[in-house]
Amino acid sequence: MSIIRQIRGRVDRRHNVRLEDKVLVEELRQGSKPAWMELLVLRAYSPRQVNLNGKEHVVVAACARDESGVTGIVLWNEDALRVEQGDVLRIHSGWVRISQGRTVLSAGRYGWIEVISTSHGSDISRMSCGRTWNRPPCAP
Protein backbone atom coordinates (compact mmCIF):
# COMPACT_ATOMS: atom_id res chain seq x y z
CA MET A 1 0.00 0.00 0.00
CA SER A 2 1.30 3.45 -0.88
CA ILE A 3 2.13 6.03 1.79
CA ILE A 4 -0.47 8.43 0.34
CA ARG A 5 -3.19 5.80 0.75
CA GLN A 6 -2.08 5.15 4.34
CA ILE A 7 -2.18 8.86 5.16
CA ARG A 8 -5.58 9.55 3.59
CA GLY A 9 -7.16 6.33 4.77
CA ARG A 10 -8.56 3.85 2.31
CA VAL A 11 -11.74 5.16 0.74
CA ASP A 12 -14.03 3.55 -1.82
CA ARG A 13 -14.63 6.68 -3.89
CA ARG A 14 -17.52 5.20 -5.87
CA HIS A 15 -19.56 4.64 -2.72
CA ASN A 16 -17.94 7.23 -0.40
CA VAL A 17 -17.15 4.80 2.43
CA ARG A 18 -13.96 4.19 4.39
CA LEU A 19 -12.94 0.57 3.81
CA GLU A 20 -11.62 0.14 7.35
CA ASP A 21 -15.07 1.06 8.76
CA LYS A 22 -16.63 -2.07 7.25
CA VAL A 23 -18.21 -4.31 9.90
CA LEU A 24 -18.53 -8.10 9.63
CA VAL A 25 -21.48 -10.19 10.83
CA GLU A 26 -19.31 -11.82 13.51
CA GLU A 27 -18.70 -8.35 15.03
CA LEU A 28 -22.39 -7.46 15.45
CA ARG A 29 -23.59 -7.01 19.05
CA GLN A 30 -26.89 -5.96 20.64
CA GLY A 31 -27.32 -2.20 20.27
CA SER A 32 -24.32 -1.73 17.97
CA LYS A 33 -24.58 0.65 15.03
CA PRO A 34 -22.34 -0.66 12.25
CA ALA A 35 -20.90 2.02 9.92
CA TRP A 36 -21.55 -0.17 6.86
CA MET A 37 -21.77 -3.80 5.82
CA GLU A 38 -21.98 -5.73 2.57
CA LEU A 39 -24.27 -8.74 2.61
CA LEU A 40 -25.56 -11.33 0.15
CA VAL A 41 -29.29 -11.94 0.53
CA LEU A 42 -29.79 -15.70 0.87
CA ARG A 43 -33.55 -15.62 1.30
CA ALA A 44 -36.26 -12.97 1.43
CA TYR A 45 -39.60 -13.92 2.95
CA SER A 46 -43.04 -12.66 1.90
CA PRO A 47 -43.83 -8.98 2.53
CA ARG A 48 -46.16 -8.10 5.40
CA GLN A 49 -48.23 -4.98 6.05
CA VAL A 50 -47.84 -3.45 9.51
CA ASN A 51 -49.50 -0.42 11.06
CA LEU A 52 -47.24 1.74 13.26
CA ASN A 53 -48.61 4.93 14.76
CA GLY A 54 -51.43 5.02 12.23
CA LYS A 55 -49.15 4.59 9.19
CA GLU A 56 -49.05 1.52 6.95
CA HIS A 57 -45.61 0.04 6.27
CA VAL A 58 -44.33 -2.91 4.23
CA VAL A 59 -41.85 -5.15 6.07
CA VAL A 60 -39.79 -8.06 4.74
CA ALA A 61 -37.68 -10.38 6.88
CA ALA A 62 -34.64 -11.76 5.09
CA CYS A 63 -31.54 -13.80 5.74
CA ALA A 64 -28.13 -12.58 4.55
CA ARG A 65 -24.47 -13.40 4.94
CA ASP A 66 -20.97 -12.09 4.51
CA GLU A 67 -17.66 -13.92 4.71
CA SER A 68 -17.90 -14.23 8.50
CA GLY A 69 -21.44 -15.46 9.10
CA VAL A 70 -25.21 -15.26 8.67
CA THR A 71 -27.64 -12.68 10.06
CA GLY A 72 -31.28 -11.79 9.79
CA ILE A 73 -32.18 -8.45 8.24
CA VAL A 74 -35.37 -6.42 8.31
CA LEU A 75 -36.27 -4.38 5.23
CA TRP A 76 -38.83 -1.56 5.36
CA ASN A 77 -41.07 0.06 2.72
CA GLU A 78 -39.30 0.72 -0.60
CA ASP A 79 -36.26 -1.36 0.47
CA ALA A 80 -38.61 -4.27 1.19
CA LEU A 81 -40.01 -4.09 -2.33
CA ARG A 82 -36.75 -3.79 -4.26
CA VAL A 83 -34.49 -6.34 -2.52
CA GLU A 84 -34.56 -9.95 -3.74
CA GLN A 85 -32.75 -13.21 -3.11
CA GLY A 86 -29.26 -13.08 -4.58
CA ASP A 87 -28.83 -9.30 -4.29
CA VAL A 88 -25.71 -7.87 -2.67
CA LEU A 89 -26.58 -5.04 -0.28
CA ARG A 90 -24.57 -2.36 1.40
CA ILE A 91 -26.28 -1.28 4.63
CA HIS A 92 -25.13 2.06 6.06
CA SER A 93 -25.64 3.28 9.64
CA GLY A 94 -27.85 0.37 10.64
CA TRP A 95 -28.70 -0.90 14.08
CA VAL A 96 -28.57 -4.35 15.64
CA ARG A 97 -30.80 -6.22 18.07
CA ILE A 98 -30.92 -9.77 19.30
CA SER A 99 -34.30 -11.46 18.79
CA GLN A 100 -34.92 -15.00 20.02
CA GLY A 101 -31.17 -15.51 20.33
CA ARG A 102 -30.45 -14.45 16.73
CA THR A 103 -28.79 -11.29 15.43
CA VAL A 104 -31.08 -9.02 13.40
CA LEU A 105 -29.85 -6.02 11.39
CA SER A 106 -31.93 -3.14 10.04
CA ALA A 107 -31.17 0.19 8.36
CA GLY A 108 -33.77 1.71 10.67
CA ARG A 109 -34.91 5.31 10.47
CA TYR A 110 -31.51 6.95 9.95
CA GLY A 111 -29.65 4.35 7.88
CA TRP A 112 -29.98 3.45 4.22
CA ILE A 113 -29.52 0.50 1.91
CA GLU A 114 -27.79 0.33 -1.48
CA VAL A 115 -28.25 -2.60 -3.83
CA ILE A 116 -24.68 -3.11 -5.05
CA SER A 117 -25.47 -5.91 -7.49
CA THR A 118 -28.57 -7.88 -8.30
CA SER A 119 -29.37 -11.59 -8.45
CA HIS A 120 -26.22 -13.65 -8.52
CA GLY A 121 -28.25 -16.51 -9.88
CA SER A 122 -30.82 -18.81 -8.34
CA ASP A 123 -28.28 -21.35 -7.06
CA ILE A 124 -26.86 -19.63 -3.99
CA SER A 125 -27.42 -22.62 -1.70
CA ARG A 126 -23.64 -23.19 -1.65
CA MET A 127 -23.39 -20.02 0.43
CA SER A 128 -25.83 -21.12 3.11
CA CYS A 129 -23.23 -22.43 5.58
CA GLY A 130 -23.53 -25.96 4.28
CA ARG A 131 -27.20 -26.23 5.20
CA THR A 132 -29.66 -27.61 2.72
CA TRP A 133 -32.78 -25.78 1.56
CA ASN A 134 -35.18 -28.01 3.52
CA ARG A 135 -34.30 -25.69 6.45
CA PRO A 136 -34.08 -21.92 6.23
CA PRO A 137 -30.41 -20.87 6.08
CA CYS A 138 -30.88 -18.55 9.11
CA ALA A 139 -31.89 -21.43 11.42
CA PRO A 140 -29.15 -22.74 13.71
C-alpha atoms as a PDB file:
ATOM      1  CA  MET A   1       0.000   0.000   0.000  1.00  0.00           C
ATOM      2  CA  SER A   2       1.303   3.454  -0.876  1.00  0.00           C
ATOM      3  CA  ILE A   3       2.129   6.026   1.788  1.00  0.00           C
ATOM      4  CA  ILE A   4      -0.468   8.427   0.344  1.00  0.00           C
ATOM      5  CA  ARG A   5      -3.191   5.802   0.746  1.00  0.00           C
ATOM      6  CA  GLN A   6      -2.077   5.149   4.338  1.00  0.00           C
ATOM      7  CA  ILE A   7      -2.178   8.856   5.159  1.00  0.00           C
ATOM      8  CA  ARG A   8      -5.575   9.553   3.587  1.00  0.00           C
ATOM      9  CA  GLY A   9      -7.162   6.326   4.774  1.00  0.00           C
ATOM     10  CA  ARG A  10      -8.559   3.846   2.315  1.00  0.00           C
ATOM     11  CA  VAL A  11     -11.741   5.165   0.739  1.00  0.00           C
ATOM     12  CA  ASP A  12     -14.026   3.552  -1.820  1.00  0.00           C
ATOM     13  CA  ARG A  13     -14.629   6.681  -3.886  1.00  0.00           C
ATOM     14  CA  ARG A  14     -17.525   5.201  -5.871  1.00  0.00           C
ATOM     15  CA  HIS A  15     -19.558   4.644  -2.717  1.00  0.00           C
ATOM     16  CA  ASN A  16     -17.941   7.226  -0.400  1.00  0.00           C
ATOM     17  CA  VAL A  17     -17.147   4.802   2.434  1.00  0.00           C
ATOM     18  CA  ARG A  18     -13.964   4.188   4.385  1.00  0.00           C
ATOM     19  CA  LEU A  19     -12.944   0.570   3.809  1.00  0.00           C
ATOM     20  CA  GLU A  20     -11.624   0.139   7.351  1.00  0.00           C
ATOM     21  CA  ASP A  21     -15.068   1.064   8.757  1.00  0.00           C
ATOM     22  CA  LYS A  22     -16.627  -2.072   7.253  1.00  0.00           C
ATOM     23  CA  VAL A  23     -18.211  -4.311   9.902  1.00  0.00           C
ATOM     24  CA  LEU A  24     -18.534  -8.104   9.625  1.00  0.00           C
ATOM     25  CA  VAL A  25     -21.476 -10.195  10.832  1.00  0.00           C
ATOM     26  CA  GLU A  26     -19.313 -11.823  13.507  1.00  0.00           C
ATOM     27  CA  GLU A  27     -18.695  -8.352  15.026  1.00  0.00           C
ATOM     28  CA  LEU A  28     -22.386  -7.464  15.454  1.00  0.00           C
ATOM     29  CA  ARG A  29     -23.587  -7.013  19.053  1.00  0.00           C
ATOM     30  CA  GLN A  30     -26.890  -5.961  20.644  1.00  0.00           C
ATOM     31  CA  GLY A  31     -27.323  -2.203  20.269  1.00  0.00           C
ATOM     32  CA  SER A  32     -24.317  -1.731  17.975  1.00  0.00           C
ATOM     33  CA  LYS A  33     -24.578   0.647  15.028  1.00  0.00           C
ATOM     34  CA  PRO A  34     -22.344  -0.657  12.249  1.00  0.00           C
ATOM     35  CA  ALA A  35     -20.899   2.016   9.919  1.00  0.00           C
ATOM     36  CA  TRP A  36     -21.549  -0.172   6.864  1.00  0.00           C
ATOM     37  CA  MET A  37     -21.765  -3.803   5.819  1.00  0.00           C
ATOM     38  CA  GLU A  38     -21.979  -5.732   2.566  1.00  0.00           C
ATOM     39  CA  LEU A  39     -24.272  -8.741   2.609  1.00  0.00           C
ATOM     40  CA  LEU A  40     -25.559 -11.329   0.146  1.00  0.00           C
ATOM     41  CA  VAL A  41     -29.288 -11.937   0.530  1.00  0.00           C
ATOM     42  CA  LEU A  42     -29.791 -15.701   0.867  1.00  0.00           C
ATOM     43  CA  ARG A  43     -33.548 -15.624   1.305  1.00  0.00           C
ATOM     44  CA  ALA A  44     -36.258 -12.972   1.425  1.00  0.00           C
ATOM     45  CA  TYR A  45     -39.603 -13.917   2.950  1.00  0.00           C
ATOM     46  CA  SER A  46     -43.037 -12.661   1.904  1.00  0.00           C
ATOM     47  CA  PRO A  47     -43.830  -8.979   2.529  1.00  0.00           C
ATOM     48  CA  ARG A  48     -46.163  -8.101   5.401  1.00  0.00           C
ATOM     49  CA  GLN A  49     -48.231  -4.982   6.047  1.00  0.00           C
ATOM     50  CA  VAL A  50     -47.844  -3.445   9.506  1.00  0.00           C
ATOM     51  CA  ASN A  51     -49.495  -0.421  11.059  1.00  0.00           C
ATOM     52  CA  LEU A  52     -47.235   1.742  13.256  1.00  0.00           C
ATOM     53  CA  ASN A  53     -48.606   4.932  14.762  1.00  0.00           C
ATOM     54  CA  GLY A  54     -51.435   5.015  12.233  1.00  0.00           C
ATOM     55  CA  LYS A  55     -49.155   4.588   9.188  1.00  0.00           C
ATOM     56  CA  GLU A  56     -49.047   1.523   6.947  1.00  0.00           C
ATOM     57  CA  HIS A  57     -45.605   0.045   6.267  1.00  0.00           C
ATOM     58  CA  VAL A  58     -44.328  -2.907   4.226  1.00  0.00           C
ATOM     59  CA  VAL A  59     -41.851  -5.153   6.068  1.00  0.00           C
ATOM     60  CA  VAL A  60     -39.788  -8.057   4.744  1.00  0.00           C
ATOM     61  CA  ALA A  61     -37.678 -10.378   6.876  1.00  0.00           C
ATOM     62  CA  ALA A  62     -34.635 -11.760   5.088  1.00  0.00           C
ATOM     63  CA  CYS A  63     -31.536 -13.798   5.741  1.00  0.00           C
ATOM     64  CA  ALA A  64     -28.133 -12.579   4.551  1.00  0.00           C
ATOM     65  CA  ARG A  65     -24.471 -13.400   4.943  1.00  0.00           C
ATOM     66  CA  ASP A  66     -20.974 -12.088   4.508  1.00  0.00           C
ATOM     67  CA  GLU A  67     -17.661 -13.922   4.706  1.00  0.00           C
ATOM     68  CA  SER A  68     -17.897 -14.232   8.496  1.00  0.00           C
ATOM     69  CA  GLY A  69     -21.437 -15.461   9.104  1.00  0.00           C
ATOM     70  CA  VAL A  70     -25.207 -15.263   8.670  1.00  0.00           C
ATOM     71  CA  THR A  71     -27.636 -12.684  10.062  1.00  0.00           C
ATOM     72  CA  GLY A  72     -31.279 -11.793   9.789  1.00  0.00           C
ATOM     73  CA  ILE A  73     -32.180  -8.447   8.239  1.00  0.00           C
ATOM     74  CA  VAL A  74     -35.373  -6.417   8.308  1.00  0.00           C
ATOM     75  CA  LEU A  75     -36.269  -4.378   5.229  1.00  0.00           C
ATOM     76  CA  TRP A  76     -38.828  -1.563   5.360  1.00  0.00           C
ATOM     77  CA  ASN A  77     -41.065   0.061   2.725  1.00  0.00           C
ATOM     78  CA  GLU A  78     -39.299   0.717  -0.605  1.00  0.00           C
ATOM     79  CA  ASP A  79     -36.262  -1.364   0.466  1.00  0.00           C
ATOM     80  CA  ALA A  80     -38.612  -4.266   1.187  1.00  0.00           C
ATOM     81  CA  LEU A  81     -40.014  -4.090  -2.330  1.00  0.00           C
ATOM     82  CA  ARG A  82     -36.752  -3.791  -4.262  1.00  0.00           C
ATOM     83  CA  VAL A  83     -34.487  -6.343  -2.523  1.00  0.00           C
ATOM     84  CA  GLU A  84     -34.558  -9.945  -3.741  1.00  0.00           C
ATOM     85  CA  GLN A  85     -32.751 -13.212  -3.107  1.00  0.00           C
ATOM     86  CA  GLY A  86     -29.260 -13.082  -4.581  1.00  0.00           C
ATOM     87  CA  ASP A  87     -28.832  -9.298  -4.287  1.00  0.00           C
ATOM     88  CA  VAL A  88     -25.711  -7.866  -2.668  1.00  0.00           C
ATOM     89  CA  LEU A  89     -26.583  -5.040  -0.284  1.00  0.00           C
ATOM     90  CA  ARG A  90     -24.567  -2.361   1.403  1.00  0.00           C
ATOM     91  CA  ILE A  91     -26.285  -1.277   4.632  1.00  0.00           C
ATOM     92  CA  HIS A  92     -25.126   2.061   6.056  1.00  0.00           C
ATOM     93  CA  SER A  93     -25.643   3.283   9.636  1.00  0.00           C
ATOM     94  CA  GLY A  94     -27.850   0.373  10.641  1.00  0.00           C
ATOM     95  CA  TRP A  95     -28.704  -0.904  14.082  1.00  0.00           C
ATOM     96  CA  VAL A  96     -28.569  -4.350  15.643  1.00  0.00           C
ATOM     97  CA  ARG A  97     -30.796  -6.217  18.065  1.00  0.00           C
ATOM     98  CA  ILE A  98     -30.921  -9.775  19.304  1.00  0.00           C
ATOM     99  CA  SER A  99     -34.296 -11.458  18.785  1.00  0.00           C
ATOM    100  CA  GLN A 100     -34.917 -15.003  20.024  1.00  0.00           C
ATOM    101  CA  GLY A 101     -31.166 -15.508  20.329  1.00  0.00           C
ATOM    102  CA  ARG A 102     -30.446 -14.446  16.727  1.00  0.00           C
ATOM    103  CA  THR A 103     -28.793 -11.294  15.434  1.00  0.00           C
ATOM    104  CA  VAL A 104     -31.076  -9.016  13.396  1.00  0.00           C
ATOM    105  CA  LEU A 105     -29.848  -6.020  11.387  1.00  0.00           C
ATOM    106  CA  SER A 106     -31.927  -3.138  10.035  1.00  0.00           C
ATOM    107  CA  ALA A 107     -31.173   0.186   8.364  1.00  0.00           C
ATOM    108  CA  GLY A 108     -33.774   1.713  10.668  1.00  0.00           C
ATOM    109  CA  ARG A 109     -34.912   5.307  10.473  1.00  0.00           C
ATOM    110  CA  TYR A 110     -31.507   6.949   9.954  1.00  0.00           C
ATOM    111  CA  GLY A 111     -29.651   4.355   7.880  1.00  0.00           C
ATOM    112  CA  TRP A 112     -29.983   3.445   4.224  1.00  0.00           C
ATOM    113  CA  ILE A 113     -29.522   0.502   1.908  1.00  0.00           C
ATOM    114  CA  GLU A 114     -27.786   0.334  -1.479  1.00  0.00           C
ATOM    115  CA  VAL A 115     -28.255  -2.604  -3.827  1.00  0.00           C
ATOM    116  CA  ILE A 116     -24.683  -3.106  -5.051  1.00  0.00           C
ATOM    117  CA  SER A 117     -25.472  -5.906  -7.493  1.00  0.00           C
ATOM    118  CA  THR A 118     -28.568  -7.876  -8.301  1.00  0.00           C
ATOM    119  CA  SER A 119     -29.367 -11.594  -8.447  1.00  0.00           C
ATOM    120  CA  HIS A 120     -26.219 -13.653  -8.523  1.00  0.00           C
ATOM    121  CA  GLY A 121     -28.252 -16.508  -9.876  1.00  0.00           C
ATOM    122  CA  SER A 122     -30.816 -18.805  -8.341  1.00  0.00           C
ATOM    123  CA  ASP A 123     -28.285 -21.351  -7.059  1.00  0.00           C
ATOM    124  CA  ILE A 124     -26.864 -19.633  -3.991  1.00  0.00           C
ATOM    125  CA  SER A 125     -27.421 -22.623  -1.703  1.00  0.00           C
ATOM    126  CA  ARG A 126     -23.640 -23.189  -1.651  1.00  0.00           C
ATOM    127  CA  MET A 127     -23.387 -20.020   0.432  1.00  0.00           C
ATOM    128  CA  SER A 128     -25.831 -21.121   3.114  1.00  0.00           C
ATOM    129  CA  CYS A 129     -23.227 -22.426   5.581  1.00  0.00           C
ATOM    130  CA  GLY A 130     -23.530 -25.963   4.275  1.00  0.00           C
ATOM    131  CA  ARG A 131     -27.198 -26.228   5.198  1.00  0.00           C
ATOM    132  CA  THR A 132     -29.659 -27.614   2.723  1.00  0.00           C
ATOM    133  CA  TRP A 133     -32.781 -25.781   1.559  1.00  0.00           C
ATOM    134  CA  ASN A 134     -35.178 -28.015   3.523  1.00  0.00           C
ATOM    135  CA  ARG A 135     -34.303 -25.694   6.453  1.00  0.00           C
ATOM    136  CA  PRO A 136     -34.081 -21.917   6.226  1.00  0.00           C
ATOM    137  CA  PRO A 137     -30.407 -20.865   6.083  1.00  0.00           C
ATOM    138  CA  CYS A 138     -30.879 -18.545   9.106  1.00  0.00           C
ATOM    139  CA  ALA A 139     -31.885 -21.427  11.416  1.00  0.00           C
ATOM    140  CA  PRO A 140     -29.151 -22.743  13.712  1.00  0.00           C
END
